[in-house]
């Protein structure tokens, strides 16, 4: 069984590098595997419904290669830490 990347146990911060990791059935699959920089952090109360503290976080991202801001935000569980392999 292949190693499946896991989200960080802690919230990400502005400036962190992440890789988008979503399933092939997700409507935003075109962003899968993109390495991005966190440029905005937002919180809501989803964690109170799920019991997982990181579910409260969503992020705006900038593509590392193109420097373009992505038109959608992603939840914490859609992101895994990325290597800084510039």
Protein backbone atom coordinates (compact mmCIF):
# COMPACT_ATOMS: atom_id res chain seq x y z
CA UNK A 1 0.00 0.00 0.00
CA UNK A 2 1.38 3.39 -1.00
CA UNK A 3 2.05 6.08 1.54
CA UNK A 4 -0.79 8.58 1.47
CA UNK A 5 0.28 12.16 2.32
CA UNK A 6 -1.40 13.51 5.44
CA UNK A 7 -2.30 17.08 6.36
CA UNK A 8 -0.36 18.73 9.14
CA UNK A 9 -1.72 18.20 12.65
CA UNK A 10 -1.41 21.96 13.16
CA UNK A 11 -2.91 24.82 11.17
CA UNK A 12 -0.79 26.26 8.36
CA UNK A 13 0.43 29.86 8.44
CA UNK A 14 0.89 32.54 5.80
CA UNK A 15 4.09 31.72 3.92
CA UNK A 16 3.91 27.95 4.41
CA UNK A 17 4.31 25.76 1.34
CA UNK A 18 1.66 23.14 0.77
CA UNK A 19 0.68 20.67 -1.91
CA UNK A 20 -2.95 20.25 -2.86
CA UNK A 21 -4.00 16.64 -2.43
CA UNK A 22 -7.58 15.94 -3.47
CA UNK A 23 -9.34 12.94 -4.97
CA UNK A 24 -9.92 12.33 -8.65
CA UNK A 25 -13.66 12.69 -8.08
CA UNK A 26 -13.32 16.21 -6.59
CA UNK A 27 -14.69 18.93 -8.86
CA UNK A 28 -11.47 20.93 -8.39
CA UNK A 29 -9.19 18.04 -9.37
CA UNK A 30 -7.32 20.25 -11.85
CA UNK A 31 -5.48 21.72 -8.83
CA UNK A 32 -4.33 18.36 -7.47
CA UNK A 33 -0.55 18.18 -6.89
CA UNK A 34 -0.02 21.94 -7.28
CA UNK A 35 2.55 23.32 -4.85
CA UNK A 36 1.35 26.58 -3.40
CA UNK A 37 2.16 29.20 -0.80
CA UNK A 38 -0.42 30.06 1.85
CA UNK A 39 -1.39 33.74 1.40
CA UNK A 40 -4.47 33.88 3.62
CA UNK A 41 -5.86 31.95 6.58
CA UNK A 42 -9.54 31.94 7.50
CA UNK A 43 -11.49 30.24 10.27
CA UNK A 44 -15.07 29.20 10.81
CA UNK A 45 -16.89 26.86 13.18
CA UNK A 46 -16.80 23.61 11.17
CA UNK A 47 -14.59 22.13 13.90
CA UNK A 48 -17.48 22.33 16.36
CA UNK A 49 -19.45 20.00 14.07
CA UNK A 50 -16.64 17.52 13.31
CA UNK A 51 -14.61 17.60 16.52
CA UNK A 52 -11.34 18.09 14.59
CA UNK A 53 -9.71 21.47 15.39
CA UNK A 54 -8.06 21.81 11.97
CA UNK A 55 -11.46 21.61 10.22
CA UNK A 56 -12.00 25.25 11.19
CA UNK A 57 -9.27 26.38 8.75
CA UNK A 58 -9.40 27.26 5.07
CA UNK A 59 -6.71 28.93 3.01
CA UNK A 60 -6.16 31.10 -0.01
CA UNK A 61 -3.21 29.98 -2.07
CA UNK A 62 -0.74 31.24 -4.66
CA UNK A 63 0.68 28.77 -7.17
CA UNK A 64 4.42 28.47 -6.59
CA UNK A 65 5.31 28.21 -10.29
CA UNK A 66 3.00 30.80 -11.85
CA UNK A 67 2.74 33.16 -8.84
CA UNK A 68 -1.01 33.37 -9.55
CA UNK A 69 -3.56 33.32 -6.75
CA UNK A 70 -5.92 30.38 -7.09
CA UNK A 71 -9.56 31.39 -7.67
CA UNK A 72 -10.84 29.12 -4.89
CA UNK A 73 -9.84 28.43 -1.31
CA UNK A 74 -9.03 25.01 0.14
CA UNK A 75 -9.83 23.39 3.48
CA UNK A 76 -7.07 22.15 5.75
CA UNK A 77 -7.70 18.48 4.93
CA UNK A 78 -7.03 19.18 1.20
CA UNK A 79 -3.45 20.32 1.84
CA UNK A 80 -0.28 18.49 2.80
CA UNK A 81 3.11 20.01 3.68
CA UNK A 82 5.29 20.52 0.61
CA UNK A 83 9.05 20.28 0.31
CA UNK A 84 10.79 23.55 -0.48
CA UNK A 85 12.43 22.10 -3.57
CA UNK A 86 12.35 25.36 -5.53
